[in-house]
Structures are given as structure tokens and as C-alpha cells.
All heavy atoms as atom14 arrays in JSON, in Angstrom:
{
  "sequence": "ELVTIAEHAPSGANSVADATGNAKAKGTFNNKVVVG",
  "atom14_mask": [
    [1, 1, 1, 1, 1, 1, 1, 1, 1, 0, 0, 0, 0, 0],
    [1, 1, 1, 1, 1, 1, 1, 1, 0, 0, 0, 0, 0, 0],
    [1, 1, 1, 1, 1, 1, 1, 0, 0, 0, 0, 0, 0, 0],
    [1, 1, 1, 1, 1, 1, 1, 0, 0, 0, 0, 0, 0, 0],
    [1, 1, 1, 1, 1, 1, 1, 1, 0, 0, 0, 0, 0, 0],
    [1, 1, 1, 1, 1, 0, 0, 0, 0, 0, 0, 0, 0, 0],
    [1, 1, 1, 1, 1, 1, 1, 1, 1, 0, 0, 0, 0, 0],
    [1, 1, 1, 1, 1, 1, 1, 1, 1, 1, 0, 0, 0, 0],
    [1, 1, 1, 1, 1, 0, 0, 0, 0, 0, 0, 0, 0, 0],
    [1, 1, 1, 1, 1, 1, 1, 0, 0, 0, 0, 0, 0, 0],
    [1, 1, 1, 1, 1, 1, 0, 0, 0, 0, 0, 0, 0, 0],
    [1, 1, 1, 1, 0, 0, 0, 0, 0, 0, 0, 0, 0, 0],
    [1, 1, 1, 1, 1, 0, 0, 0, 0, 0, 0, 0, 0, 0],
    [1, 1, 1, 1, 1, 1, 1, 1, 0, 0, 0, 0, 0, 0],
    [1, 1, 1, 1, 1, 1, 0, 0, 0, 0, 0, 0, 0, 0],
    [1, 1, 1, 1, 1, 1, 1, 0, 0, 0, 0, 0, 0, 0],
    [1, 1, 1, 1, 1, 0, 0, 0, 0, 0, 0, 0, 0, 0],
    [1, 1, 1, 1, 1, 1, 1, 1, 0, 0, 0, 0, 0, 0],
    [1, 1, 1, 1, 1, 0, 0, 0, 0, 0, 0, 0, 0, 0],
    [1, 1, 1, 1, 1, 1, 1, 0, 0, 0, 0, 0, 0, 0],
    [1, 1, 1, 1, 0, 0, 0, 0, 0, 0, 0, 0, 0, 0],
    [1, 1, 1, 1, 1, 1, 1, 1, 0, 0, 0, 0, 0, 0],
    [1, 1, 1, 1, 1, 0, 0, 0, 0, 0, 0, 0, 0, 0],
    [1, 1, 1, 1, 1, 1, 1, 1, 1, 0, 0, 0, 0, 0],
    [1, 1, 1, 1, 1, 0, 0, 0, 0, 0, 0, 0, 0, 0],
    [1, 1, 1, 1, 1, 1, 1, 1, 1, 0, 0, 0, 0, 0],
    [1, 1, 1, 1, 0, 0, 0, 0, 0, 0, 0, 0, 0, 0],
    [1, 1, 1, 1, 1, 1, 1, 0, 0, 0, 0, 0, 0, 0],
    [1, 1, 1, 1, 1, 1, 1, 1, 1, 1, 1, 0, 0, 0],
    [1, 1, 1, 1, 1, 1, 1, 1, 0, 0, 0, 0, 0, 0],
    [1, 1, 1, 1, 1, 1, 1, 1, 0, 0, 0, 0, 0, 0],
    [1, 1, 1, 1, 1, 1, 1, 1, 1, 0, 0, 0, 0, 0],
    [1, 1, 1, 1, 1, 1, 1, 0, 0, 0, 0, 0, 0, 0],
    [1, 1, 1, 1, 1, 1, 1, 0, 0, 0, 0, 0, 0, 0],
    [1, 1, 1, 1, 1, 1, 1, 0, 0, 0, 0, 0, 0, 0],
    [1, 1, 1, 1, 0, 0, 0, 0, 0, 0, 0, 0, 0, 0]
  ],
  "atom14_positions": [
    [[5.66, 15.36, -15.37], [4.68, 16.11, -14.6], [3.51, 15.23, -14.16], [3.03, 15.33, -13.02], [4.17, 17.31, -15.4], [3.29, 18.24, -14.59], [2.99, 19.54, -15.32], [3.27, 19.63, -16.54], [2.49, 20.47, -14.67], [0.0, 0.0, 0.0], [0.0, 0.0, 0.0], [0.0, 0.0, 0.0], [0.0, 0.0, 0.0], [0.0, 0.0, 0.0]],
    [[3.06, 14.35, -15.05], [1.97, 13.44, -14.69], [2.41, 12.47, -13.6], [1.67, 12.18, -12.65], [1.5, 12.66, -15.92], [0.93, 13.48, -17.07], [0.5, 12.56, -18.2], [-0.23, 14.35, -16.6], [0.0, 0.0, 0.0], [0.0, 0.0, 0.0], [0.0, 0.0, 0.0], [0.0, 0.0, 0.0], [0.0, 0.0, 0.0], [0.0, 0.0, 0.0]],
    [[3.61, 11.96, -13.72], [4.15, 11.02, -12.74], [4.28, 11.68, -11.37], [3.94, 11.1, -10.34], [5.51, 10.47, -13.2], [6.2, 9.7, -12.08], [5.33, 9.57, -14.41], [0.0, 0.0, 0.0], [0.0, 0.0, 0.0], [0.0, 0.0, 0.0], [0.0, 0.0, 0.0], [0.0, 0.0, 0.0], [0.0, 0.0, 0.0], [0.0, 0.0, 0.0]],
    [[4.76, 12.92, -11.37], [4.95, 13.64, -10.11], [3.63, 13.86, -9.39], [3.53, 13.73, -8.16], [5.64, 14.99, -10.36], [6.9, 14.75, -11.0], [5.87, 15.74, -9.06], [0.0, 0.0, 0.0], [0.0, 0.0, 0.0], [0.0, 0.0, 0.0], [0.0, 0.0, 0.0], [0.0, 0.0, 0.0], [0.0, 0.0, 0.0], [0.0, 0.0, 0.0]],
    [[2.58, 14.19, -10.15], [1.26, 14.37, -9.55], [0.75, 13.05, -8.98], [0.3, 12.98, -7.84], [0.26, 14.92, -10.59], [0.67, 16.32, -11.03], [-1.16, 14.94, -10.02], [-0.13, 16.85, -12.21], [0.0, 0.0, 0.0], [0.0, 0.0, 0.0], [0.0, 0.0, 0.0], [0.0, 0.0, 0.0], [0.0, 0.0, 0.0], [0.0, 0.0, 0.0]],
    [[0.83, 11.99, -9.78], [0.31, 10.68, -9.36], [1.05, 10.15, -8.15], [0.47, 9.42, -7.33], [0.42, 9.68, -10.51], [0.0, 0.0, 0.0], [0.0, 0.0, 0.0], [0.0, 0.0, 0.0], [0.0, 0.0, 0.0], [0.0, 0.0, 0.0], [0.0, 0.0, 0.0], [0.0, 0.0, 0.0], [0.0, 0.0, 0.0], [0.0, 0.0, 0.0]],
    [[2.32, 10.51, -8.01], [3.13, 10.02, -6.89], [2.55, 10.47, -5.54], [2.77, 9.82, -4.52], [4.56, 10.52, -7.05], [5.55, 9.93, -6.08], [6.95, 10.42, -6.34], [7.12, 11.38, -7.14], [7.89, 9.86, -5.76], [0.0, 0.0, 0.0], [0.0, 0.0, 0.0], [0.0, 0.0, 0.0], [0.0, 0.0, 0.0], [0.0, 0.0, 0.0]],
    [[1.8, 11.56, -5.54], [1.25, 12.11, -4.31], [-0.17, 11.62, -4.03], [-0.81, 12.08, -3.08], [1.28, 13.63, -4.34], [2.67, 14.19, -4.32], [3.4, 14.43, -5.48], [3.47, 14.54, -3.3], [4.58, 14.91, -5.16], [4.65, 14.98, -3.86], [0.0, 0.0, 0.0], [0.0, 0.0, 0.0], [0.0, 0.0, 0.0], [0.0, 0.0, 0.0]],
    [[-0.66, 10.69, -4.82], [-2.01, 10.17, -4.61], [-2.07, 9.38, -3.3], [-1.13, 8.67, -2.95], [-2.41, 9.27, -5.77], [0.0, 0.0, 0.0], [0.0, 0.0, 0.0], [0.0, 0.0, 0.0], [0.0, 0.0, 0.0], [0.0, 0.0, 0.0], [0.0, 0.0, 0.0], [0.0, 0.0, 0.0], [0.0, 0.0, 0.0], [0.0, 0.0, 0.0]],
    [[-3.17, 9.51, -2.54], [-3.32, 8.71, -1.31], [-3.36, 7.23, -1.67], [-4.0, 6.82, -2.63], [-4.65, 9.2, -0.73], [-5.38, 9.79, -1.89], [-4.34, 10.36, -2.8], [0.0, 0.0, 0.0], [0.0, 0.0, 0.0], [0.0, 0.0, 0.0], [0.0, 0.0, 0.0], [0.0, 0.0, 0.0], [0.0, 0.0, 0.0], [0.0, 0.0, 0.0]],
    [[-2.66, 6.41, -0.89], [-2.51, 4.99, -1.26], [-3.26, 4.02, -0.37], [-3.35, 2.83, -0.67], [-1.02, 4.62, -1.27], [-0.41, 4.99, -0.04], [0.0, 0.0, 0.0], [0.0, 0.0, 0.0], [0.0, 0.0, 0.0], [0.0, 0.0, 0.0], [0.0, 0.0, 0.0], [0.0, 0.0, 0.0], [0.0, 0.0, 0.0], [0.0, 0.0, 0.0]],
    [[-3.8, 4.49, 0.76], [-4.58, 3.6, 1.61], [-3.72, 2.62, 2.4], [-2.49, 2.66, 2.36], [0.0, 0.0, 0.0], [0.0, 0.0, 0.0], [0.0, 0.0, 0.0], [0.0, 0.0, 0.0], [0.0, 0.0, 0.0], [0.0, 0.0, 0.0], [0.0, 0.0, 0.0], [0.0, 0.0, 0.0], [0.0, 0.0, 0.0], [0.0, 0.0, 0.0]],
    [[-4.39, 1.74, 3.13], [-3.7, 0.77, 3.98], [-4.21, -0.64, 3.72], [-5.32, -0.82, 3.2], [-3.88, 1.13, 5.45], [0.0, 0.0, 0.0], [0.0, 0.0, 0.0], [0.0, 0.0, 0.0], [0.0, 0.0, 0.0], [0.0, 0.0, 0.0], [0.0, 0.0, 0.0], [0.0, 0.0, 0.0], [0.0, 0.0, 0.0], [0.0, 0.0, 0.0]],
    [[-3.4, -1.62, 4.06], [-3.76, -3.03, 3.93], [-3.47, -3.75, 5.23], [-2.59, -3.33, 5.99], [-2.94, -3.71, 2.82], [-3.69, -3.77, 1.51], [-4.59, -3.0, 1.27], [-3.3, -4.7, 0.66], [0.0, 0.0, 0.0], [0.0, 0.0, 0.0], [0.0, 0.0, 0.0], [0.0, 0.0, 0.0], [0.0, 0.0, 0.0], [0.0, 0.0, 0.0]],
    [[-4.16, -4.84, 5.45], [-3.81, -5.69, 6.59], [-2.72, -6.66, 6.16], [-2.66, -7.08, 5.0], [-5.04, -6.47, 7.08], [-5.42, -7.45, 6.13], [0.0, 0.0, 0.0], [0.0, 0.0, 0.0], [0.0, 0.0, 0.0], [0.0, 0.0, 0.0], [0.0, 0.0, 0.0], [0.0, 0.0, 0.0], [0.0, 0.0, 0.0], [0.0, 0.0, 0.0]],
    [[-1.86, -7.02, 7.1], [-0.82, -8.0, 6.81], [-1.45, -9.34, 6.45], [-0.94, -10.08, 5.61], [0.13, -8.14, 8.02], [1.18, -9.22, 7.77], [0.8, -6.81, 8.32], [0.0, 0.0, 0.0], [0.0, 0.0, 0.0], [0.0, 0.0, 0.0], [0.0, 0.0, 0.0], [0.0, 0.0, 0.0], [0.0, 0.0, 0.0], [0.0, 0.0, 0.0]],
    [[-2.6, -9.65, 7.04], [-3.29, -10.9, 6.74], [-3.7, -10.98, 5.27], [-3.51, -12.0, 4.61], [-4.52, -11.04, 7.64], [0.0, 0.0, 0.0], [0.0, 0.0, 0.0], [0.0, 0.0, 0.0], [0.0, 0.0, 0.0], [0.0, 0.0, 0.0], [0.0, 0.0, 0.0], [0.0, 0.0, 0.0], [0.0, 0.0, 0.0], [0.0, 0.0, 0.0]],
    [[-4.25, -9.87, 4.74], [-4.64, -9.85, 3.33], [-3.42, -9.94, 2.41], [-3.44, -10.6, 1.38], [-5.42, -8.58, 3.0], [-6.85, -8.62, 3.52], [-7.33, -9.74, 3.81], [-7.47, -7.56, 3.61], [0.0, 0.0, 0.0], [0.0, 0.0, 0.0], [0.0, 0.0, 0.0], [0.0, 0.0, 0.0], [0.0, 0.0, 0.0], [0.0, 0.0, 0.0]],
    [[-2.34, -9.24, 2.78], [-1.17, -9.2, 1.93], [-0.45, -10.53, 1.84], [0.09, -10.9, 0.8], [-0.2, -8.13, 2.43], [0.0, 0.0, 0.0], [0.0, 0.0, 0.0], [0.0, 0.0, 0.0], [0.0, 0.0, 0.0], [0.0, 0.0, 0.0], [0.0, 0.0, 0.0], [0.0, 0.0, 0.0], [0.0, 0.0, 0.0], [0.0, 0.0, 0.0]],
    [[-0.47, -11.3, 2.94], [0.28, -12.56, 2.98], [-0.59, -13.79, 2.77], [-0.06, -14.86, 2.5], [1.0, -12.7, 4.33], [0.02, -12.76, 5.38], [1.94, -11.53, 4.57], [0.0, 0.0, 0.0], [0.0, 0.0, 0.0], [0.0, 0.0, 0.0], [0.0, 0.0, 0.0], [0.0, 0.0, 0.0], [0.0, 0.0, 0.0], [0.0, 0.0, 0.0]],
    [[-1.9, -13.64, 2.9], [-2.77, -14.8, 2.84], [-2.77, -15.6, 4.12], [-3.34, -16.69, 4.2], [0.0, 0.0, 0.0], [0.0, 0.0, 0.0], [0.0, 0.0, 0.0], [0.0, 0.0, 0.0], [0.0, 0.0, 0.0], [0.0, 0.0, 0.0], [0.0, 0.0, 0.0], [0.0, 0.0, 0.0], [0.0, 0.0, 0.0], [0.0, 0.0, 0.0]],
    [[-2.16, -15.06, 5.16], [-2.1, -15.71, 6.46], [-3.12, -15.05, 7.38], [-2.93, -13.94, 7.85], [-0.69, -15.59, 7.05], [-0.58, -16.21, 8.44], [-1.51, -16.83, 8.94], [0.58, -16.03, 9.07], [0.0, 0.0, 0.0], [0.0, 0.0, 0.0], [0.0, 0.0, 0.0], [0.0, 0.0, 0.0], [0.0, 0.0, 0.0], [0.0, 0.0, 0.0]],
    [[-4.23, -15.73, 7.62], [-5.34, -15.15, 8.39], [-4.93, -14.81, 9.82], [-5.57, -13.98, 10.47], [-6.52, -16.1, 8.39], [0.0, 0.0, 0.0], [0.0, 0.0, 0.0], [0.0, 0.0, 0.0], [0.0, 0.0, 0.0], [0.0, 0.0, 0.0], [0.0, 0.0, 0.0], [0.0, 0.0, 0.0], [0.0, 0.0, 0.0], [0.0, 0.0, 0.0]],
    [[-3.87, -15.43, 10.32], [-3.45, -15.2, 11.7], [-2.5, -14.01, 11.83], [-2.19, -13.59, 12.95], [-2.78, -16.46, 12.25], [-3.71, -17.67, 12.34], [-2.98, -18.87, 12.92], [-3.92, -20.08, 13.03], [-3.2, -21.26, 13.59], [0.0, 0.0, 0.0], [0.0, 0.0, 0.0], [0.0, 0.0, 0.0], [0.0, 0.0, 0.0], [0.0, 0.0, 0.0]],
    [[-2.04, -13.5, 10.7], [-1.09, -12.38, 10.76], [-1.77, -11.13, 11.29], [-2.92, -10.85, 10.98], [-0.5, -12.12, 9.37], [0.0, 0.0, 0.0], [0.0, 0.0, 0.0], [0.0, 0.0, 0.0], [0.0, 0.0, 0.0], [0.0, 0.0, 0.0], [0.0, 0.0, 0.0], [0.0, 0.0, 0.0], [0.0, 0.0, 0.0], [0.0, 0.0, 0.0]],
    [[-1.06, -10.39, 12.11], [-1.62, -9.19, 12.74], [-1.04, -7.92, 12.12], [0.03, -7.93, 11.52], [-1.32, -9.21, 14.24], [-1.79, -10.46, 14.97], [-3.31, -10.59, 14.93], [-3.76, -11.82, 15.73], [-5.24, -11.99, 15.67], [0.0, 0.0, 0.0], [0.0, 0.0, 0.0], [0.0, 0.0, 0.0], [0.0, 0.0, 0.0], [0.0, 0.0, 0.0]],
    [[-1.75, -6.83, 12.3], [-1.23, -5.54, 11.93], [-1.64, -5.07, 10.54], [-2.24, -5.81, 9.76], [0.0, 0.0, 0.0], [0.0, 0.0, 0.0], [0.0, 0.0, 0.0], [0.0, 0.0, 0.0], [0.0, 0.0, 0.0], [0.0, 0.0, 0.0], [0.0, 0.0, 0.0], [0.0, 0.0, 0.0], [0.0, 0.0, 0.0], [0.0, 0.0, 0.0]],
    [[-1.3, -3.83, 10.27], [-1.58, -3.21, 8.97], [-0.33, -2.49, 8.48], [0.63, -2.3, 9.24], [-2.73, -2.2, 9.05], [-2.37, -1.15, 9.97], [-4.02, -2.87, 9.49], [0.0, 0.0, 0.0], [0.0, 0.0, 0.0], [0.0, 0.0, 0.0], [0.0, 0.0, 0.0], [0.0, 0.0, 0.0], [0.0, 0.0, 0.0], [0.0, 0.0, 0.0]],
    [[-0.34, -2.09, 7.24], [0.76, -1.31, 6.68], [0.19, -0.38, 5.62], [-0.85, -0.65, 5.04], [1.84, -2.21, 6.08], [1.37, -3.04, 4.92], [1.5, -2.58, 3.62], [0.78, -4.28, 5.12], [1.06, -3.32, 2.54], [0.32, -5.04, 4.06], [0.47, -4.55, 2.76], [0.0, 0.0, 0.0], [0.0, 0.0, 0.0], [0.0, 0.0, 0.0]],
    [[0.9, 0.7, 5.36], [0.48, 1.66, 4.34], [1.0, 1.23, 2.97], [2.16, 0.83, 2.84], [1.0, 3.05, 4.67], [0.34, 3.64, 5.9], [-0.84, 3.4, 6.16], [1.1, 4.39, 6.68], [0.0, 0.0, 0.0], [0.0, 0.0, 0.0], [0.0, 0.0, 0.0], [0.0, 0.0, 0.0], [0.0, 0.0, 0.0], [0.0, 0.0, 0.0]],
    [[0.13, 1.3, 1.98], [0.55, 1.02, 0.61], [1.44, 2.16, 0.11], [1.45, 3.24, 0.68], [-0.66, 0.88, -0.31], [-1.52, -0.3, 0.07], [-1.05, -1.43, 0.11], [-2.79, -0.04, 0.36], [0.0, 0.0, 0.0], [0.0, 0.0, 0.0], [0.0, 0.0, 0.0], [0.0, 0.0, 0.0], [0.0, 0.0, 0.0], [0.0, 0.0, 0.0]],
    [[2.15, 1.91, -0.97], [3.05, 2.92, -1.54], [2.77, 3.09, -3.03], [2.5, 2.11, -3.72], [4.52, 2.52, -1.33], [4.99, 2.55, 0.12], [6.45, 2.18, 0.2], [6.99, 2.36, 1.62], [6.33, 1.45, 2.57], [0.0, 0.0, 0.0], [0.0, 0.0, 0.0], [0.0, 0.0, 0.0], [0.0, 0.0, 0.0], [0.0, 0.0, 0.0]],
    [[2.84, 4.32, -3.48], [2.85, 4.59, -4.92], [4.32, 4.67, -5.31], [5.05, 5.54, -4.85], [2.14, 5.92, -5.25], [2.25, 6.21, -6.74], [0.66, 5.85, -4.84], [0.0, 0.0, 0.0], [0.0, 0.0, 0.0], [0.0, 0.0, 0.0], [0.0, 0.0, 0.0], [0.0, 0.0, 0.0], [0.0, 0.0, 0.0], [0.0, 0.0, 0.0]],
    [[4.76, 3.73, -6.14], [6.17, 3.64, -6.52], [6.33, 4.13, -7.96], [5.64, 3.66, -8.86], [6.68, 2.19, -6.41], [8.12, 2.08, -6.91], [6.58, 1.71, -4.97], [0.0, 0.0, 0.0], [0.0, 0.0, 0.0], [0.0, 0.0, 0.0], [0.0, 0.0, 0.0], [0.0, 0.0, 0.0], [0.0, 0.0, 0.0], [0.0, 0.0, 0.0]],
    [[7.23, 5.07, -8.16], [7.58, 5.51, -9.52], [8.7, 4.59, -9.99], [9.82, 4.65, -9.5], [8.05, 6.98, -9.53], [8.43, 7.39, -10.95], [6.94, 7.88, -9.0], [0.0, 0.0, 0.0], [0.0, 0.0, 0.0], [0.0, 0.0, 0.0], [0.0, 0.0, 0.0], [0.0, 0.0, 0.0], [0.0, 0.0, 0.0], [0.0, 0.0, 0.0]],
    [[8.38, 3.72, -10.92], [9.35, 2.75, -11.41], [9.18, 2.49, -12.88], [8.73, 3.35, -13.63], [0.0, 0.0, 0.0], [0.0, 0.0, 0.0], [0.0, 0.0, 0.0], [0.0, 0.0, 0.0], [0.0, 0.0, 0.0], [0.0, 0.0, 0.0], [0.0, 0.0, 0.0], [0.0, 0.0, 0.0], [0.0, 0.0, 0.0], [0.0, 0.0, 0.0]]
  ]
}
């Protein structure tokens, strides 16, 4: 039950530049809450 609730938490977005460390990378993507 706790996992199911947490799975629906808003996850926000990241820039591809921040995720890869490549300052020239363009675009953004949505983060994911993964039940694993």
C-alpha cells in the first residue's frame, strides 16, 4: 500500500544536459518513480 501511494508521487523534469553532463545537449525529460 505504501509503495502504491509513492508510485503516484509527482517526479518533476530534468534537462538532458544535467543528466548527461553535456552542456550542449538539448531538451528535457520527465523523471520516473520506479517500483523496483
